[in-house]
N, C-alpha and C. Protein backbone atom coordinates (compact mmCIF):
# COMPACT_ATOMS: atom_id res chain seq x y z
N MET A 1 2.69 19.60 -42.78
CA MET A 1 3.43 18.28 -42.91
C MET A 1 4.63 18.10 -41.87
N LYS A 2 4.72 17.12 -41.16
CA LYS A 2 5.79 16.94 -40.25
C LYS A 2 7.06 16.45 -41.01
N SER A 3 8.06 16.88 -40.33
CA SER A 3 9.55 16.68 -40.97
C SER A 3 9.90 15.18 -40.50
N LYS A 4 10.86 14.68 -41.21
CA LYS A 4 11.37 13.43 -40.87
C LYS A 4 11.76 13.45 -39.39
N PHE A 5 12.44 14.43 -38.98
CA PHE A 5 13.03 14.42 -37.61
C PHE A 5 11.90 14.43 -36.52
N GLY A 6 10.89 15.25 -36.94
CA GLY A 6 9.63 15.19 -35.80
C GLY A 6 9.12 13.71 -35.73
N GLN A 7 8.99 13.07 -36.90
CA GLN A 7 8.38 11.80 -36.85
C GLN A 7 9.33 10.80 -36.18
N ILE A 8 10.65 10.81 -36.36
CA ILE A 8 11.54 10.05 -35.57
C ILE A 8 11.53 10.42 -34.07
N LYS A 9 11.47 11.76 -33.76
CA LYS A 9 11.53 12.04 -32.40
C LYS A 9 10.22 11.40 -31.66
N ASN A 10 9.13 11.60 -32.23
CA ASN A 10 7.84 11.17 -31.72
C ASN A 10 7.98 9.67 -31.55
N CYS A 11 8.51 8.89 -32.46
CA CYS A 11 8.74 7.41 -32.25
C CYS A 11 9.48 6.98 -31.31
N ILE A 12 10.71 7.83 -31.09
CA ILE A 12 11.64 7.51 -29.97
C ILE A 12 10.94 7.90 -28.67
N ILE A 13 10.16 8.96 -28.46
CA ILE A 13 9.44 9.13 -27.24
C ILE A 13 8.51 8.05 -26.95
N LYS A 14 7.73 7.67 -27.82
CA LYS A 14 6.80 6.45 -27.59
C LYS A 14 7.50 5.23 -27.08
N ILE A 15 8.63 4.86 -27.76
CA ILE A 15 9.26 3.82 -27.18
C ILE A 15 9.91 3.91 -25.92
N GLN A 16 10.32 5.17 -25.59
CA GLN A 16 10.93 5.35 -24.22
C GLN A 16 9.78 5.19 -23.24
N LYS A 17 8.67 5.79 -23.59
CA LYS A 17 7.50 5.61 -22.51
C LYS A 17 7.20 4.12 -22.32
N SER A 18 7.04 3.47 -23.49
CA SER A 18 6.82 2.02 -23.28
C SER A 18 7.96 1.23 -22.48
N VAL A 19 9.16 1.53 -22.69
CA VAL A 19 10.19 0.99 -21.93
C VAL A 19 10.02 1.32 -20.45
N LEU A 20 9.89 2.61 -20.23
CA LEU A 20 9.93 3.06 -18.76
C LEU A 20 8.61 2.40 -18.04
N ASN A 21 7.59 2.23 -18.69
CA ASN A 21 6.43 1.56 -18.05
C ASN A 21 6.73 0.25 -17.67
N LYS A 22 7.46 -0.53 -18.54
CA LYS A 22 7.78 -1.92 -18.40
C LYS A 22 8.80 -1.98 -17.19
N ILE A 23 9.77 -0.95 -17.13
CA ILE A 23 10.73 -0.96 -15.99
C ILE A 23 10.17 -0.77 -14.79
N VAL A 24 9.24 0.31 -14.68
CA VAL A 24 8.45 0.52 -13.48
C VAL A 24 7.83 -0.56 -12.97
N ALA A 25 7.06 -1.35 -13.83
CA ALA A 25 6.40 -2.46 -13.25
C ALA A 25 7.21 -3.65 -12.87
N VAL A 26 8.44 -3.62 -13.43
CA VAL A 26 9.21 -4.86 -12.92
C VAL A 26 9.85 -4.30 -11.47
N VAL A 27 10.22 -3.11 -11.42
CA VAL A 27 10.76 -2.59 -10.09
C VAL A 27 9.64 -2.80 -9.02
N LEU A 28 8.31 -2.43 -9.22
CA LEU A 28 7.27 -2.59 -8.27
C LEU A 28 7.01 -3.98 -8.03
N PHE A 29 7.04 -4.89 -8.92
CA PHE A 29 7.06 -6.34 -8.67
C PHE A 29 8.06 -6.86 -7.85
N THR A 30 9.46 -6.59 -8.17
CA THR A 30 10.58 -6.92 -7.28
C THR A 30 10.45 -6.35 -5.95
N GLU A 31 10.00 -5.21 -5.69
CA GLU A 31 9.85 -4.72 -4.33
C GLU A 31 8.67 -5.39 -3.55
N TYR A 32 7.60 -5.83 -4.17
CA TYR A 32 6.52 -6.59 -3.59
C TYR A 32 7.15 -7.97 -3.30
N ILE A 33 7.81 -8.69 -4.06
CA ILE A 33 8.44 -9.97 -3.83
C ILE A 33 9.54 -9.88 -2.75
N LEU A 34 10.36 -8.90 -2.75
CA LEU A 34 11.20 -8.78 -1.78
C LEU A 34 10.94 -8.14 -0.35
N ILE A 35 9.90 -7.34 -0.27
CA ILE A 35 9.68 -6.77 0.95
C ILE A 35 8.28 -7.10 1.45
N ILE A 36 7.20 -6.98 0.65
CA ILE A 36 5.98 -7.28 1.16
C ILE A 36 5.57 -8.67 1.61
N ILE A 37 5.95 -9.62 0.70
CA ILE A 37 5.69 -10.93 0.98
C ILE A 37 6.61 -11.62 2.01
N PRO A 38 7.76 -11.26 2.24
CA PRO A 38 8.69 -11.84 3.29
C PRO A 38 8.03 -11.14 4.66
N THR A 39 7.65 -9.98 4.75
CA THR A 39 7.29 -9.37 5.92
C THR A 39 5.86 -10.05 6.27
N ALA A 40 5.00 -10.23 5.34
CA ALA A 40 3.76 -10.99 5.58
C ALA A 40 3.97 -12.35 6.22
N ILE A 41 4.94 -13.22 5.54
CA ILE A 41 5.26 -14.58 6.20
C ILE A 41 5.69 -14.62 7.51
N LEU A 42 6.68 -13.49 7.73
CA LEU A 42 7.32 -13.31 9.10
C LEU A 42 6.22 -13.03 10.14
N MET A 43 5.12 -12.13 9.82
CA MET A 43 4.12 -11.83 10.64
C MET A 43 3.21 -12.98 10.89
N LYS A 44 2.96 -13.71 9.98
CA LYS A 44 2.21 -15.00 10.01
C LYS A 44 2.87 -15.93 11.10
N LEU A 45 4.17 -16.18 10.91
CA LEU A 45 5.04 -17.16 11.69
C LEU A 45 5.13 -16.67 13.20
N CYS A 46 5.23 -15.31 13.31
CA CYS A 46 5.17 -14.82 14.86
C CYS A 46 3.70 -14.58 15.25
N LYS A 47 2.72 -15.02 14.63
CA LYS A 47 1.40 -14.74 14.92
C LYS A 47 0.93 -13.40 15.49
N ARG A 48 1.51 -12.44 14.74
CA ARG A 48 1.29 -11.04 15.11
C ARG A 48 0.01 -10.60 14.04
N ASP A 49 -0.86 -9.84 14.86
CA ASP A 49 -2.19 -9.49 14.35
C ASP A 49 -2.31 -8.10 14.49
N ARG A 50 -1.66 -7.19 13.52
CA ARG A 50 -1.78 -5.90 13.57
C ARG A 50 -2.94 -5.08 13.47
N LEU A 51 -3.80 -5.87 12.81
CA LEU A 51 -5.22 -5.25 12.48
C LEU A 51 -6.31 -5.79 13.35
N HIS A 52 -5.81 -6.55 14.30
CA HIS A 52 -6.79 -7.28 15.28
C HIS A 52 -7.84 -8.02 14.62
N LEU A 53 -7.55 -8.65 13.61
CA LEU A 53 -8.59 -9.44 12.83
C LEU A 53 -9.01 -10.92 13.51
N LYS A 54 -8.14 -11.40 14.35
CA LYS A 54 -8.40 -12.62 14.78
C LYS A 54 -9.82 -12.75 15.59
N LYS A 55 -10.22 -14.01 15.40
CA LYS A 55 -11.70 -14.06 16.08
C LYS A 55 -11.56 -14.10 17.61
N TYR A 56 -12.31 -13.52 18.28
CA TYR A 56 -12.44 -13.59 19.63
C TYR A 56 -13.60 -14.27 20.24
N ASP A 57 -13.80 -15.01 21.32
CA ASP A 57 -14.84 -15.75 21.66
C ASP A 57 -15.83 -14.70 22.57
N THR A 58 -16.01 -13.61 22.04
CA THR A 58 -16.98 -12.74 22.81
C THR A 58 -18.13 -12.31 22.04
N ASN A 59 -19.12 -11.85 22.82
CA ASN A 59 -20.32 -11.44 21.96
C ASN A 59 -20.30 -10.15 21.29
N SER A 60 -19.27 -9.40 21.64
CA SER A 60 -19.31 -7.95 21.16
C SER A 60 -17.71 -7.57 20.93
N TYR A 61 -17.42 -6.87 20.10
CA TYR A 61 -16.04 -6.38 19.86
C TYR A 61 -15.90 -4.84 20.51
N TRP A 62 -16.81 -4.40 21.27
CA TRP A 62 -16.77 -3.08 21.92
C TRP A 62 -15.77 -3.28 23.07
N LYS A 63 -14.89 -2.24 23.06
CA LYS A 63 -13.95 -2.25 24.38
C LYS A 63 -14.64 -1.44 25.49
N THR A 64 -14.42 -2.00 26.67
CA THR A 64 -15.00 -1.37 27.86
C THR A 64 -13.97 -0.28 28.45
N TYR A 65 -14.70 0.79 28.78
CA TYR A 65 -13.67 1.76 29.37
C TYR A 65 -14.30 2.32 30.76
N LYS A 66 -13.43 2.83 31.55
CA LYS A 66 -13.93 3.34 32.88
C LYS A 66 -14.74 4.56 32.50
N ASN A 67 -15.58 4.85 33.37
CA ASN A 67 -16.40 6.03 33.35
C ASN A 67 -15.68 7.16 34.01
N ASP A 68 -15.39 8.23 33.21
CA ASP A 68 -14.66 9.26 33.81
C ASP A 68 -15.93 10.46 33.79
N ASP A 69 -15.80 11.06 34.85
CA ASP A 69 -16.73 12.29 35.18
C ASP A 69 -16.00 13.47 34.70
N VAL A 70 -15.73 13.53 33.32
CA VAL A 70 -15.26 14.71 32.76
C VAL A 70 -16.14 15.51 32.01
N ASN A 71 -16.06 16.79 32.33
CA ASN A 71 -17.13 17.69 31.55
C ASN A 71 -16.48 18.01 30.17
N TYR A 72 -17.18 17.71 29.17
CA TYR A 72 -16.69 18.03 27.71
C TYR A 72 -17.45 19.15 27.29
N GLU A 73 -18.16 20.01 27.94
CA GLU A 73 -19.05 21.06 27.51
C GLU A 73 -18.15 22.18 26.87
N ARG A 74 -17.15 22.40 27.58
CA ARG A 74 -16.37 23.73 27.00
C ARG A 74 -14.88 23.25 26.49
N GLN A 75 -15.01 22.31 25.59
CA GLN A 75 -13.54 21.67 25.30
C GLN A 75 -12.87 22.43 24.25
N PHE A 76 -13.62 23.28 23.45
CA PHE A 76 -13.12 23.92 22.37
C PHE A 76 -12.90 25.46 22.62
């Protein structure tokens, strides 16, 4: 049988975990609101496309490279 102290201790630990989970959620939410969203809006306003997702009027997305006559046979 558990003692009164053990039951109270377990109850306090459960409450602390619950409160800490809520605090972490609030902190992550405020970081998202204060950092991620303004950065995204700024990138949209500057028309910056870091992932190169904008549509091009080409038939292919392959990039052309010049043909180097380099021998890769013994590269390792």
